């Protein structure tokens, strides 16, 4: 990213294509738009771009994979839970996908910004700011399974190496999911379509209650 010019006022916000100005240090839910999230995540590469295929395997595609695995792992998950799974990496539309080794180097400041953004995103879409531990663990497990599949199918890891870092999936196979890296606009649309489908389910439940 190009640096601001010398002498410019300090800036901790990013202008989004929707027109919103999102403050990274104090993010407002009112400045969060699903169109910006889908746009950003579909253009952020997983694994620092070190994956096979004609296109980068994006965070948006990873998010769709995690949510699909989550639905297979959890019995009758609520639409709210599915949305939380879909948005589990949503802060990366602003801060990018920093690989785990670099997170260890950067330290706690990164996690603080990420957590603030995640809370703002959840509030924006009427989810609990902080999901309960059971849901967080279920999403984390789906995330680890997705990481194992991506590592072995796309990122050049051996099965033993991937198992060491992500755990070996049990009772679920990679060939049940589409791990083909796809063009940006196709993934962006798929992410938005899945979001809208979940939102329709949530609206139906809300009307019935």
N, C-alpha and C. Protein backbone atom coordinates (compact mmCIF):
# COMPACT_ATOMS: atom_id res chain seq x y z
N UNK A 1 0.84 -1.19 0.00
CA UNK A 1 0.00 0.00 0.00
C UNK A 1 0.88 1.25 0.00
N UNK A 2 0.52 2.24 -0.79
CA UNK A 2 1.30 3.47 -0.86
C UNK A 2 1.19 4.23 0.46
N UNK A 3 2.32 4.75 0.94
CA UNK A 3 2.32 5.50 2.19
C UNK A 3 1.66 6.85 1.99
N UNK A 4 1.03 7.38 3.06
CA UNK A 4 0.52 8.74 3.01
C UNK A 4 1.70 9.70 2.86
N UNK A 5 1.45 10.86 2.30
CA UNK A 5 2.55 11.82 2.09
C UNK A 5 3.07 12.33 3.44
N UNK A 6 4.31 12.75 3.42
CA UNK A 6 4.93 13.31 4.63
C UNK A 6 4.15 14.54 5.09
N UNK A 7 3.85 14.60 6.38
CA UNK A 7 3.13 15.74 6.94
C UNK A 7 1.63 15.60 6.90
N UNK A 8 1.12 14.54 6.28
CA UNK A 8 -0.33 14.33 6.25
C UNK A 8 -0.81 13.96 7.65
N UNK A 9 -2.07 14.28 7.98
CA UNK A 9 -2.58 13.92 9.30
C UNK A 9 -2.62 12.40 9.49
N UNK A 10 -2.45 11.98 10.73
CA UNK A 10 -2.48 10.55 11.03
C UNK A 10 -3.83 9.96 10.60
N UNK A 11 -3.78 8.76 10.02
CA UNK A 11 -5.00 8.14 9.51
C UNK A 11 -5.06 6.68 9.94
N UNK A 12 -6.19 6.27 10.54
CA UNK A 12 -6.40 4.87 10.92
C UNK A 12 -7.71 4.36 10.34
N UNK A 13 -8.10 4.90 9.19
CA UNK A 13 -9.35 4.48 8.57
C UNK A 13 -9.10 4.14 7.10
N UNK A 14 -10.02 3.37 6.55
CA UNK A 14 -9.96 3.02 5.14
C UNK A 14 -11.27 3.40 4.46
N UNK A 15 -11.16 3.99 3.28
CA UNK A 15 -12.33 4.29 2.47
C UNK A 15 -12.74 3.04 1.71
N UNK A 16 -14.01 2.67 1.83
CA UNK A 16 -14.54 1.49 1.16
C UNK A 16 -15.22 1.88 -0.16
N UNK A 17 -15.38 0.92 -1.06
CA UNK A 17 -16.02 1.21 -2.34
C UNK A 17 -17.49 1.58 -2.17
N UNK A 18 -18.10 1.17 -1.07
CA UNK A 18 -19.49 1.55 -0.79
C UNK A 18 -19.59 3.04 -0.44
N UNK A 19 -18.44 3.65 -0.14
CA UNK A 19 -18.41 5.04 0.32
C UNK A 19 -18.20 5.15 1.81
N UNK A 20 -18.32 4.04 2.53
CA UNK A 20 -18.11 4.06 3.98
C UNK A 20 -16.65 4.36 4.31
N UNK A 21 -16.42 4.98 5.46
CA UNK A 21 -15.08 5.24 5.98
C UNK A 21 -14.96 4.47 7.28
N UNK A 22 -14.25 3.36 7.23
CA UNK A 22 -14.17 2.45 8.38
C UNK A 22 -12.93 2.74 9.21
N UNK A 23 -13.16 3.08 10.47
CA UNK A 23 -12.08 3.36 11.42
C UNK A 23 -11.59 2.02 11.99
N UNK A 24 -10.33 1.70 11.77
CA UNK A 24 -9.80 0.42 12.23
C UNK A 24 -9.64 0.35 13.74
N UNK A 25 -9.41 1.49 14.39
CA UNK A 25 -9.19 1.50 15.83
C UNK A 25 -10.50 1.54 16.61
N UNK A 26 -11.52 2.14 16.02
CA UNK A 26 -12.82 2.23 16.67
C UNK A 26 -13.92 2.01 15.62
N UNK A 27 -14.02 0.77 15.10
CA UNK A 27 -14.94 0.52 13.99
C UNK A 27 -16.41 0.60 14.42
N UNK A 28 -17.19 1.31 13.63
CA UNK A 28 -18.63 1.41 13.90
C UNK A 28 -19.38 0.38 13.06
N UNK A 29 -20.34 -0.33 13.66
CA UNK A 29 -21.16 -1.25 12.87
C UNK A 29 -21.87 -0.55 11.71
N UNK A 30 -22.14 0.73 11.85
CA UNK A 30 -22.84 1.48 10.81
C UNK A 30 -21.99 1.63 9.55
N UNK A 31 -20.68 1.43 9.67
CA UNK A 31 -19.79 1.56 8.52
C UNK A 31 -19.43 0.21 7.90
N UNK A 32 -20.10 -0.83 8.33
CA UNK A 32 -19.86 -2.18 7.81
C UNK A 32 -20.93 -2.51 6.77
N UNK A 33 -20.51 -2.91 5.58
CA UNK A 33 -21.43 -3.28 4.51
C UNK A 33 -21.03 -4.66 3.97
N UNK A 34 -22.02 -5.52 3.73
CA UNK A 34 -21.72 -6.86 3.23
C UNK A 34 -21.09 -6.79 1.85
N UNK A 35 -21.45 -5.78 1.04
CA UNK A 35 -20.85 -5.66 -0.29
C UNK A 35 -19.35 -5.42 -0.19
N UNK A 36 -18.92 -4.62 0.80
CA UNK A 36 -17.49 -4.38 1.00
C UNK A 36 -16.79 -5.64 1.48
N UNK A 37 -17.44 -6.37 2.38
CA UNK A 37 -16.85 -7.61 2.90
C UNK A 37 -16.65 -8.61 1.76
N UNK A 38 -17.70 -8.83 0.96
CA UNK A 38 -17.61 -9.78 -0.15
C UNK A 38 -16.54 -9.36 -1.16
N UNK A 39 -16.52 -8.07 -1.46
CA UNK A 39 -15.53 -7.55 -2.41
C UNK A 39 -14.11 -7.77 -1.88
N UNK A 40 -13.88 -7.39 -0.63
CA UNK A 40 -12.54 -7.51 -0.06
C UNK A 40 -12.09 -8.94 0.10
N UNK A 41 -12.92 -9.80 0.69
CA UNK A 41 -12.52 -11.18 0.96
C UNK A 41 -12.27 -11.96 -0.32
N UNK A 42 -13.00 -11.63 -1.39
CA UNK A 42 -12.80 -12.36 -2.65
C UNK A 42 -11.50 -11.98 -3.33
N UNK A 43 -10.85 -10.93 -2.84
CA UNK A 43 -9.59 -10.46 -3.41
C UNK A 43 -8.40 -10.66 -2.48
N UNK A 44 -8.63 -11.26 -1.31
CA UNK A 44 -7.55 -11.57 -0.38
C UNK A 44 -7.18 -13.04 -0.53
N UNK A 45 -5.92 -13.31 -0.81
CA UNK A 45 -5.47 -14.68 -1.04
C UNK A 45 -5.14 -15.40 0.27
N UNK A 46 -5.59 -16.62 0.36
CA UNK A 46 -5.15 -17.50 1.46
C UNK A 46 -3.71 -17.94 1.20
N UNK A 47 -3.02 -18.32 2.26
CA UNK A 47 -1.69 -18.91 2.18
C UNK A 47 -0.68 -17.98 1.47
N UNK A 48 -0.89 -16.67 1.60
CA UNK A 48 -0.02 -15.70 0.93
C UNK A 48 0.07 -15.95 -0.58
N UNK A 49 -0.99 -16.53 -1.13
CA UNK A 49 -1.02 -16.79 -2.56
C UNK A 49 -0.26 -18.03 -3.00
N UNK A 50 0.32 -18.77 -2.04
CA UNK A 50 1.12 -19.94 -2.37
C UNK A 50 0.23 -21.17 -2.50
N UNK A 51 -0.66 -21.14 -3.49
CA UNK A 51 -1.57 -22.25 -3.77
C UNK A 51 -1.58 -22.53 -5.26
N UNK A 52 -1.88 -23.79 -5.61
CA UNK A 52 -1.95 -24.16 -7.01
C UNK A 52 -3.25 -23.68 -7.64
N UNK A 53 -3.30 -23.72 -8.96
CA UNK A 53 -4.50 -23.30 -9.67
C UNK A 53 -4.30 -22.01 -10.44
N UNK A 54 -5.26 -21.70 -11.29
CA UNK A 54 -5.17 -20.51 -12.13
C UNK A 54 -5.51 -19.22 -11.39
N UNK A 55 -6.14 -19.35 -10.23
CA UNK A 55 -6.55 -18.19 -9.44
C UNK A 55 -6.11 -18.38 -8.00
N UNK A 56 -6.01 -17.29 -7.27
CA UNK A 56 -5.75 -17.38 -5.83
C UNK A 56 -6.95 -18.03 -5.15
N UNK A 57 -6.69 -18.83 -4.14
CA UNK A 57 -7.78 -19.36 -3.31
C UNK A 57 -8.06 -18.30 -2.26
N UNK A 58 -9.18 -17.62 -2.40
CA UNK A 58 -9.44 -16.42 -1.59
C UNK A 58 -10.02 -16.74 -0.23
N UNK A 59 -10.00 -15.74 0.64
CA UNK A 59 -10.62 -15.86 1.96
C UNK A 59 -12.13 -16.03 1.82
N UNK A 60 -12.73 -15.42 0.79
CA UNK A 60 -14.17 -15.61 0.57
C UNK A 60 -14.47 -17.07 0.26
N UNK A 61 -13.65 -17.69 -0.58
CA UNK A 61 -13.86 -19.10 -0.90
C UNK A 61 -13.61 -19.98 0.33
N UNK A 62 -12.60 -19.63 1.11
CA UNK A 62 -12.34 -20.33 2.37
C UNK A 62 -13.54 -20.21 3.31
N UNK A 63 -14.13 -19.01 3.39
CA UNK A 63 -15.27 -18.79 4.28
C UNK A 63 -16.47 -19.65 3.86
N UNK A 64 -16.69 -19.76 2.57
CA UNK A 64 -17.77 -20.63 2.06
C UNK A 64 -17.48 -22.09 2.42
N UNK A 65 -16.22 -22.49 2.30
CA UNK A 65 -15.84 -23.86 2.65
C UNK A 65 -16.06 -24.13 4.13
N UNK A 66 -15.62 -23.22 4.98
CA UNK A 66 -15.79 -23.40 6.43
C UNK A 66 -17.26 -23.51 6.80
N UNK A 67 -18.09 -22.65 6.21
CA UNK A 67 -19.52 -22.69 6.53
C UNK A 67 -20.15 -24.00 6.06
N UNK A 68 -19.72 -24.52 4.91
CA UNK A 68 -20.24 -25.79 4.42
C UNK A 68 -19.81 -26.94 5.33
N UNK A 69 -18.56 -26.93 5.77
CA UNK A 69 -18.08 -27.96 6.70
C UNK A 69 -18.81 -27.85 8.04
N UNK A 70 -19.00 -26.62 8.50
CA UNK A 70 -19.71 -26.38 9.75
C UNK A 70 -21.11 -27.01 9.70
N UNK A 71 -21.82 -26.84 8.59
CA UNK A 71 -23.17 -27.41 8.46
C UNK A 71 -23.15 -28.93 8.46
N UNK A 72 -22.06 -29.51 8.00
CA UNK A 72 -21.94 -30.97 8.02
C UNK A 72 -21.59 -31.49 9.41
N UNK A 73 -20.86 -30.68 10.17
CA UNK A 73 -20.37 -31.12 11.48
C UNK A 73 -21.37 -30.89 12.61
N UNK A 74 -22.21 -29.87 12.47
CA UNK A 74 -23.13 -29.49 13.53
C UNK A 74 -24.56 -29.90 13.13
N UNK A 75 -25.25 -30.54 14.03
CA UNK A 75 -26.61 -31.02 13.74
C UNK A 75 -27.60 -29.85 13.77
N UNK A 76 -28.29 -29.64 12.67
CA UNK A 76 -29.32 -28.60 12.54
C UNK A 76 -28.86 -27.24 13.08
N UNK A 77 -27.80 -26.69 12.52
CA UNK A 77 -27.34 -25.38 13.00
C UNK A 77 -28.35 -24.30 12.64
N UNK A 78 -28.48 -23.31 13.51
CA UNK A 78 -29.40 -22.20 13.25
C UNK A 78 -28.83 -21.31 12.15
N UNK A 79 -29.68 -20.55 11.45
CA UNK A 79 -29.15 -19.59 10.49
C UNK A 79 -28.17 -18.59 11.11
N UNK A 80 -28.42 -18.19 12.35
CA UNK A 80 -27.49 -17.29 13.03
C UNK A 80 -26.10 -17.93 13.15
N UNK A 81 -26.08 -19.21 13.51
CA UNK A 81 -24.81 -19.92 13.65
C UNK A 81 -24.11 -20.05 12.30
N UNK A 82 -24.88 -20.32 11.26
CA UNK A 82 -24.30 -20.43 9.91
C UNK A 82 -23.71 -19.09 9.47
N UNK A 83 -24.41 -18.00 9.79
CA UNK A 83 -23.89 -16.68 9.43
C UNK A 83 -22.60 -16.38 10.17
N UNK A 84 -22.55 -16.74 11.45
CA UNK A 84 -21.32 -16.54 12.22
C UNK A 84 -20.17 -17.33 11.60
N UNK A 85 -20.45 -18.54 11.11
CA UNK A 85 -19.41 -19.34 10.46
C UNK A 85 -18.96 -18.68 9.15
N UNK A 86 -19.92 -18.20 8.36
CA UNK A 86 -19.58 -17.54 7.10
C UNK A 86 -18.72 -16.30 7.32
N UNK A 87 -18.99 -15.58 8.41
CA UNK A 87 -18.29 -14.32 8.68
C UNK A 87 -17.10 -14.48 9.63
N UNK A 88 -16.66 -15.71 9.86
CA UNK A 88 -15.63 -15.92 10.89
C UNK A 88 -14.31 -15.22 10.57
N UNK A 89 -14.02 -15.00 9.29
CA UNK A 89 -12.80 -14.29 8.91
C UNK A 89 -13.10 -12.93 8.28
N UNK A 90 -14.30 -12.42 8.51
CA UNK A 90 -14.71 -11.17 7.86
C UNK A 90 -13.78 -9.99 8.12
N UNK A 91 -13.14 -9.86 9.30
CA UNK A 91 -12.23 -8.72 9.49
C UNK A 91 -11.12 -8.64 8.45
N UNK A 92 -10.83 -9.75 7.80
CA UNK A 92 -9.74 -9.78 6.84
C UNK A 92 -10.05 -8.98 5.57
N UNK A 93 -11.31 -8.55 5.42
CA UNK A 93 -11.60 -7.67 4.28
C UNK A 93 -10.93 -6.31 4.46
N UNK A 94 -10.52 -6.02 5.68
CA UNK A 94 -9.82 -4.77 5.99
C UNK A 94 -8.33 -5.02 6.26
N UNK A 95 -8.03 -6.02 7.04
CA UNK A 95 -6.66 -6.21 7.52
C UNK A 95 -5.88 -7.28 6.75
N UNK A 96 -6.54 -7.96 5.81
CA UNK A 96 -5.86 -8.98 5.04
C UNK A 96 -5.72 -10.29 5.81
N UNK A 97 -5.22 -11.31 5.12
CA UNK A 97 -5.05 -12.63 5.73
C UNK A 97 -3.59 -12.81 6.11
N UNK A 98 -3.29 -12.52 7.34
CA UNK A 98 -1.92 -12.66 7.82
C UNK A 98 -1.70 -14.12 8.22
N UNK A 99 -0.68 -14.75 7.67
CA UNK A 99 -0.41 -16.15 7.98
C UNK A 99 -0.01 -16.29 9.44
N UNK A 100 -0.29 -17.45 10.02
CA UNK A 100 -0.08 -17.68 11.45
C UNK A 100 1.35 -17.39 11.92
N UNK A 101 2.39 -17.80 11.17
CA UNK A 101 3.75 -17.48 11.64
C UNK A 101 3.99 -15.99 11.83
N UNK A 102 3.42 -15.16 10.92
CA UNK A 102 3.63 -13.72 11.04
C UNK A 102 2.80 -13.14 12.18
N UNK A 103 1.61 -13.71 12.44
CA UNK A 103 0.82 -13.26 13.59
C UNK A 103 1.62 -13.43 14.88
N UNK A 104 2.37 -14.53 14.95
CA UNK A 104 3.17 -14.79 16.15
C UNK A 104 4.25 -13.72 16.32
N UNK A 105 4.78 -13.23 15.21
CA UNK A 105 5.81 -12.20 15.26
C UNK A 105 5.22 -10.85 15.66
N UNK A 106 4.06 -10.52 15.08
CA UNK A 106 3.43 -9.21 15.32
C UNK A 106 2.96 -9.07 16.75
N UNK A 107 2.35 -10.14 17.29
CA UNK A 107 1.90 -10.11 18.68
C UNK A 107 0.47 -9.63 18.84
N UNK A 108 0.15 -9.14 20.06
CA UNK A 108 -1.23 -8.90 20.45
C UNK A 108 -1.96 -7.77 19.78
N UNK A 109 -1.23 -6.77 19.25
CA UNK A 109 -1.90 -5.63 18.63
C UNK A 109 -2.79 -6.03 17.48
N UNK A 110 -2.34 -6.97 16.68
CA UNK A 110 -3.12 -7.46 15.55
C UNK A 110 -4.43 -8.07 16.02
N UNK A 111 -4.35 -8.90 17.06
CA UNK A 111 -5.55 -9.58 17.56
C UNK A 111 -6.55 -8.58 18.13
N UNK A 112 -6.06 -7.50 18.73
CA UNK A 112 -6.96 -6.49 19.29
C UNK A 112 -7.77 -5.82 18.18
N UNK A 113 -7.10 -5.42 17.11
CA UNK A 113 -7.79 -4.79 15.97
C UNK A 113 -8.77 -5.78 15.35
N UNK A 114 -8.34 -7.01 15.17
CA UNK A 114 -9.19 -8.05 14.57
C UNK A 114 -10.45 -8.27 15.41
N UNK A 115 -10.28 -8.31 16.73
CA UNK A 115 -11.42 -8.55 17.62
C UNK A 115 -12.42 -7.40 17.58
N UNK A 116 -11.92 -6.18 17.55
CA UNK A 116 -12.82 -5.02 17.47
C UNK A 116 -13.62 -5.04 16.17
N UNK A 117 -12.96 -5.37 15.07
CA UNK A 117 -13.66 -5.45 13.79
C UNK A 117 -14.69 -6.56 13.79
N UNK A 118 -14.33 -7.71 14.37
CA UNK A 118 -15.27 -8.83 14.39
C UNK A 118 -16.51 -8.49 15.20
N UNK A 119 -16.34 -7.81 16.32
CA UNK A 119 -17.49 -7.40 17.13
C UNK A 119 -18.38 -6.43 16.36
N UNK A 120 -17.78 -5.47 15.68
CA UNK A 120 -18.56 -4.51 14.90
C UNK A 120 -19.34 -5.20 13.78
N UNK A 121 -18.71 -6.17 13.14
CA UNK A 121 -19.37 -6.92 12.06
C UNK A 121 -20.54 -7.72 12.60
N UNK A 122 -20.35 -8.37 13.72
CA UNK A 122 -21.44 -9.15 14.33
C UNK A 122 -22.61 -8.24 14.71
N UNK A 123 -22.31 -7.13 15.33
CA UNK A 123 -23.38 -6.21 15.73
C UNK A 123 -24.13 -5.69 14.50
N UNK A 124 -23.39 -5.40 13.43
CA UNK A 124 -24.01 -4.89 12.20
C UNK A 124 -25.06 -5.85 11.66
N UNK A 125 -24.80 -7.15 11.79
CA UNK A 125 -25.71 -8.15 11.25
C UNK A 125 -26.52 -8.87 12.33
N UNK A 126 -26.70 -8.18 13.46
CA UNK A 126 -27.58 -8.65 14.55
C UNK A 126 -27.20 -10.02 15.08
N UNK A 127 -25.91 -10.24 15.20
CA UNK A 127 -25.39 -11.43 15.86
C UNK A 127 -24.80 -11.02 17.21
N UNK A 128 -24.71 -11.94 18.16
CA UNK A 128 -24.04 -11.59 19.43
C UNK A 128 -22.62 -11.10 19.16
N UNK A 129 -22.25 -10.01 19.82
CA UNK A 129 -20.91 -9.46 19.60
C UNK A 129 -19.84 -10.49 19.89
N UNK A 130 -20.07 -11.31 20.91
CA UNK A 130 -19.14 -12.37 21.28
C UNK A 130 -19.90 -13.70 21.33
N UNK A 131 -19.76 -14.56 20.31
CA UNK A 131 -20.47 -15.85 20.30
C UNK A 131 -20.10 -16.69 21.52
N UNK A 132 -21.01 -17.59 21.89
CA UNK A 132 -20.71 -18.46 23.04
C UNK A 132 -19.60 -19.45 22.68
N UNK A 133 -18.98 -20.00 23.71
CA UNK A 133 -17.80 -20.84 23.53
C UNK A 133 -18.09 -22.09 22.70
N UNK A 134 -19.27 -22.67 22.86
CA UNK A 134 -19.61 -23.87 22.10
C UNK A 134 -19.62 -23.58 20.60
N UNK A 135 -20.22 -22.46 20.22
CA UNK A 135 -20.27 -22.09 18.81
C UNK A 135 -18.87 -21.77 18.29
N UNK A 136 -18.10 -21.02 19.08
CA UNK A 136 -16.74 -20.67 18.65
C UNK A 136 -15.90 -21.93 18.42
N UNK A 137 -16.04 -22.92 19.29
CA UNK A 137 -15.27 -24.16 19.14
C UNK A 137 -15.69 -24.92 17.89
N UNK A 138 -17.00 -24.94 17.60
CA UNK A 138 -17.49 -25.64 16.41
C UNK A 138 -17.00 -24.97 15.13
N UNK A 139 -17.01 -23.64 15.11
CA UNK A 139 -16.52 -22.90 13.95
C UNK A 139 -15.01 -23.10 13.81
N UNK A 140 -14.30 -23.07 14.92
CA UNK A 140 -12.85 -23.26 14.90
C UNK A 140 -12.49 -24.64 14.34
N UNK A 141 -13.26 -25.65 14.73
CA UNK A 141 -12.98 -27.00 14.22
C UNK A 141 -13.22 -27.06 12.72
N UNK A 142 -14.31 -26.46 12.24
CA UNK A 142 -14.58 -26.41 10.81
C UNK A 142 -13.46 -25.66 10.09
N UNK A 143 -12.97 -24.61 10.71
CA UNK A 143 -11.87 -23.81 10.15
C UNK A 143 -10.60 -24.66 10.03
N UNK A 144 -10.32 -25.46 11.05
CA UNK A 144 -9.13 -26.31 11.03
C UNK A 144 -9.23 -27.40 9.98
N UNK A 145 -10.43 -27.96 9.82
CA UNK A 145 -10.63 -28.97 8.78
C UNK A 145 -10.43 -28.35 7.41
N UNK A 146 -10.99 -27.16 7.20
CA UNK A 146 -10.81 -26.46 5.93
C UNK A 146 -9.33 -26.19 5.68
N UNK A 147 -8.61 -25.77 6.73
CA UNK A 147 -7.18 -25.49 6.58
C UNK A 147 -6.41 -26.75 6.20
N UNK A 148 -6.78 -27.89 6.80
CA UNK A 148 -6.13 -29.16 6.45
C UNK A 148 -6.36 -29.49 4.98
N UNK A 149 -7.61 -29.37 4.53
CA UNK A 149 -7.92 -29.67 3.13
C UNK A 149 -7.16 -28.73 2.19
N UNK A 150 -7.17 -27.45 2.51
CA UNK A 150 -6.47 -26.48 1.66
C UNK A 150 -4.96 -26.75 1.65
N UNK A 151 -4.43 -27.04 2.83
CA UNK A 151 -2.99 -27.28 2.94
C UNK A 151 -2.54 -28.46 2.09
N UNK A 152 -3.30 -29.54 2.14
CA UNK A 152 -2.91 -30.76 1.44
C UNK A 152 -3.29 -30.75 -0.04
N UNK A 153 -4.40 -30.11 -0.37
CA UNK A 153 -4.89 -30.11 -1.75
C UNK A 153 -4.33 -28.96 -2.59
N UNK A 154 -3.98 -27.85 -1.92
CA UNK A 154 -3.63 -26.63 -2.66
C UNK A 154 -2.26 -26.06 -2.33
N UNK A 155 -1.84 -26.20 -1.07
CA UNK A 155 -0.68 -25.43 -0.59
C UNK A 155 0.60 -26.24 -0.41
N UNK A 156 0.62 -27.48 -0.89
CA UNK A 156 1.86 -28.24 -0.91
C UNK A 156 2.28 -28.90 0.39
N UNK A 157 1.40 -28.94 1.40
CA UNK A 157 1.72 -29.62 2.65
C UNK A 157 1.58 -31.14 2.47
N UNK A 158 2.42 -31.90 3.16
CA UNK A 158 2.20 -33.34 3.26
C UNK A 158 1.05 -33.58 4.25
N UNK A 159 0.45 -34.75 4.19
CA UNK A 159 -0.65 -35.03 5.13
C UNK A 159 -0.14 -35.04 6.57
N UNK A 160 1.07 -35.53 6.78
CA UNK A 160 1.63 -35.56 8.14
C UNK A 160 1.88 -34.15 8.65
N UNK A 161 2.40 -33.29 7.79
CA UNK A 161 2.68 -31.91 8.18
C UNK A 161 1.38 -31.17 8.50
N UNK A 162 0.37 -31.34 7.63
CA UNK A 162 -0.91 -30.68 7.85
C UNK A 162 -1.58 -31.18 9.13
N UNK A 163 -1.48 -32.49 9.38
CA UNK A 163 -2.08 -33.06 10.59
C UNK A 163 -1.42 -32.49 11.84
N UNK A 164 -0.14 -32.23 11.77
CA UNK A 164 0.59 -31.69 12.92
C UNK A 164 0.06 -30.32 13.32
N UNK A 165 -0.27 -29.50 12.34
CA UNK A 165 -0.68 -28.12 12.61
C UNK A 165 -2.20 -27.94 12.73
N UNK A 166 -2.97 -28.73 11.98
CA UNK A 166 -4.42 -28.51 11.93
C UNK A 166 -5.24 -29.68 12.46
N UNK A 167 -4.59 -30.80 12.74
CA UNK A 167 -5.33 -31.99 13.14
C UNK A 167 -5.83 -32.72 11.91
N UNK A 168 -5.98 -34.04 12.02
CA UNK A 168 -6.44 -34.84 10.89
C UNK A 168 -7.96 -34.98 10.95
N UNK A 169 -8.67 -34.56 9.91
CA UNK A 169 -10.14 -34.67 9.92
C UNK A 169 -10.59 -36.13 10.03
N UNK A 170 -11.67 -36.33 10.76
CA UNK A 170 -12.22 -37.68 10.92
C UNK A 170 -13.64 -37.71 10.36
N UNK A 171 -13.93 -38.68 9.52
CA UNK A 171 -15.29 -38.87 9.03
C UNK A 171 -15.72 -37.87 7.99
N UNK A 172 -14.79 -37.15 7.39
CA UNK A 172 -15.11 -36.16 6.38
C UNK A 172 -13.94 -36.08 5.41
N UNK A 173 -14.25 -36.03 4.11
CA UNK A 173 -13.21 -36.07 3.10
C UNK A 173 -13.23 -34.82 2.23
N UNK A 174 -12.07 -34.45 1.72
CA UNK A 174 -11.95 -33.24 0.91
C UNK A 174 -12.75 -33.33 -0.38
N UNK A 175 -12.92 -34.55 -0.93
CA UNK A 175 -13.60 -34.67 -2.22
C UNK A 175 -15.09 -34.37 -2.14
N UNK A 176 -15.60 -34.11 -0.94
CA UNK A 176 -17.00 -33.71 -0.80
C UNK A 176 -17.19 -32.21 -1.00
N UNK A 177 -16.09 -31.49 -1.19
CA UNK A 177 -16.15 -30.03 -1.30
C UNK A 177 -15.37 -29.56 -2.53
N UNK A 178 -15.76 -28.40 -3.03
CA UNK A 178 -15.10 -27.82 -4.19
C UNK A 178 -13.90 -27.01 -3.74
N UNK A 179 -12.71 -27.52 -4.02
CA UNK A 179 -11.48 -26.83 -3.65
C UNK A 179 -10.77 -26.24 -4.87
N UNK A 180 -11.50 -26.12 -5.96
CA UNK A 180 -10.93 -25.51 -7.15
C UNK A 180 -10.93 -24.00 -6.99
N UNK A 181 -9.77 -23.38 -7.09
CA UNK A 181 -9.71 -21.92 -6.97
C UNK A 181 -10.47 -21.30 -8.14
N UNK A 182 -11.29 -20.32 -7.82
CA UNK A 182 -12.19 -19.75 -8.83
C UNK A 182 -11.94 -18.25 -9.03
N UNK A 183 -12.42 -17.70 -10.15
CA UNK A 183 -12.23 -16.28 -10.42
C UNK A 183 -12.87 -15.41 -9.34
N UNK A 184 -12.29 -14.23 -9.16
CA UNK A 184 -12.70 -13.30 -8.11
C UNK A 184 -14.21 -13.03 -8.15
N UNK A 185 -14.72 -12.62 -9.31
CA UNK A 185 -16.13 -12.21 -9.37
C UNK A 185 -17.08 -13.37 -9.11
N UNK A 186 -16.71 -14.58 -9.51
CA UNK A 186 -17.55 -15.74 -9.24
C UNK A 186 -17.62 -16.03 -7.75
N UNK A 187 -16.47 -15.92 -7.07
CA UNK A 187 -16.44 -16.16 -5.63
C UNK A 187 -17.18 -15.06 -4.88
N UNK A 188 -17.00 -13.82 -5.32
CA UNK A 188 -17.70 -12.69 -4.69
C UNK A 188 -19.21 -12.90 -4.76
N UNK A 189 -19.71 -13.31 -5.94
CA UNK A 189 -21.14 -13.56 -6.11
C UNK A 189 -21.60 -14.73 -5.25
N UNK A 190 -20.81 -15.80 -5.21
CA UNK A 190 -21.18 -16.96 -4.40
C UNK A 190 -21.28 -16.60 -2.92
N UNK A 191 -20.35 -15.78 -2.46
CA UNK A 191 -20.36 -15.34 -1.06
C UNK A 191 -21.61 -14.52 -0.77
N UNK A 192 -21.92 -13.57 -1.64
CA UNK A 192 -23.12 -12.74 -1.45
C UNK A 192 -24.39 -13.58 -1.55
N UNK A 193 -24.42 -14.52 -2.46
CA UNK A 193 -25.60 -15.39 -2.60
C UNK A 193 -25.83 -16.21 -1.34
N UNK A 194 -24.76 -16.74 -0.79
CA UNK A 194 -24.89 -17.54 0.44
C UNK A 194 -25.34 -16.65 1.60
N UNK A 195 -24.79 -15.45 1.69
CA UNK A 195 -25.21 -14.51 2.73
C UNK A 195 -26.70 -14.21 2.61
N UNK A 196 -27.17 -13.92 1.41
CA UNK A 196 -28.58 -13.58 1.20
C UNK A 196 -29.49 -14.76 1.51
N UNK A 197 -29.04 -15.97 1.19
CA UNK A 197 -29.83 -17.17 1.51
C UNK A 197 -30.01 -17.32 3.02
N UNK A 198 -28.93 -17.13 3.75
CA UNK A 198 -29.00 -17.23 5.21
C UNK A 198 -29.88 -16.12 5.77
N UNK A 199 -29.76 -14.92 5.23
CA UNK A 199 -30.57 -13.79 5.70
C UNK A 199 -32.07 -14.05 5.48
N UNK A 200 -32.42 -14.68 4.38
CA UNK A 200 -33.82 -15.03 4.14
C UNK A 200 -34.32 -16.03 5.18
N UNK A 201 -33.48 -16.98 5.53
CA UNK A 201 -33.84 -17.94 6.57
C UNK A 201 -34.04 -17.24 7.91
N UNK A 202 -33.15 -16.32 8.22
CA UNK A 202 -33.25 -15.57 9.49
C UNK A 202 -34.55 -14.72 9.51
N UNK A 203 -34.87 -14.11 8.39
CA UNK A 203 -36.08 -13.28 8.30
C UNK A 203 -37.33 -14.12 8.48
N UNK A 204 -37.33 -15.33 7.90
CA UNK A 204 -38.48 -16.23 8.03
C UNK A 204 -38.70 -16.61 9.49
N UNK A 205 -37.61 -16.92 10.17
CA UNK A 205 -37.71 -17.27 11.60
C UNK A 205 -38.19 -16.08 12.41
N UNK A 206 -37.68 -14.90 12.10
CA UNK A 206 -38.07 -13.69 12.84
C UNK A 206 -39.56 -13.40 12.67
N UNK A 207 -40.09 -13.59 11.45
CA UNK A 207 -41.51 -13.35 11.21
C UNK A 207 -42.40 -14.34 11.94
N UNK A 208 -41.87 -15.56 12.10
CA UNK A 208 -42.66 -16.62 12.73
C UNK A 208 -42.65 -16.52 14.26
N UNK A 209 -41.71 -15.77 14.80
CA UNK A 209 -41.58 -15.70 16.25
C UNK A 209 -42.45 -14.59 16.85
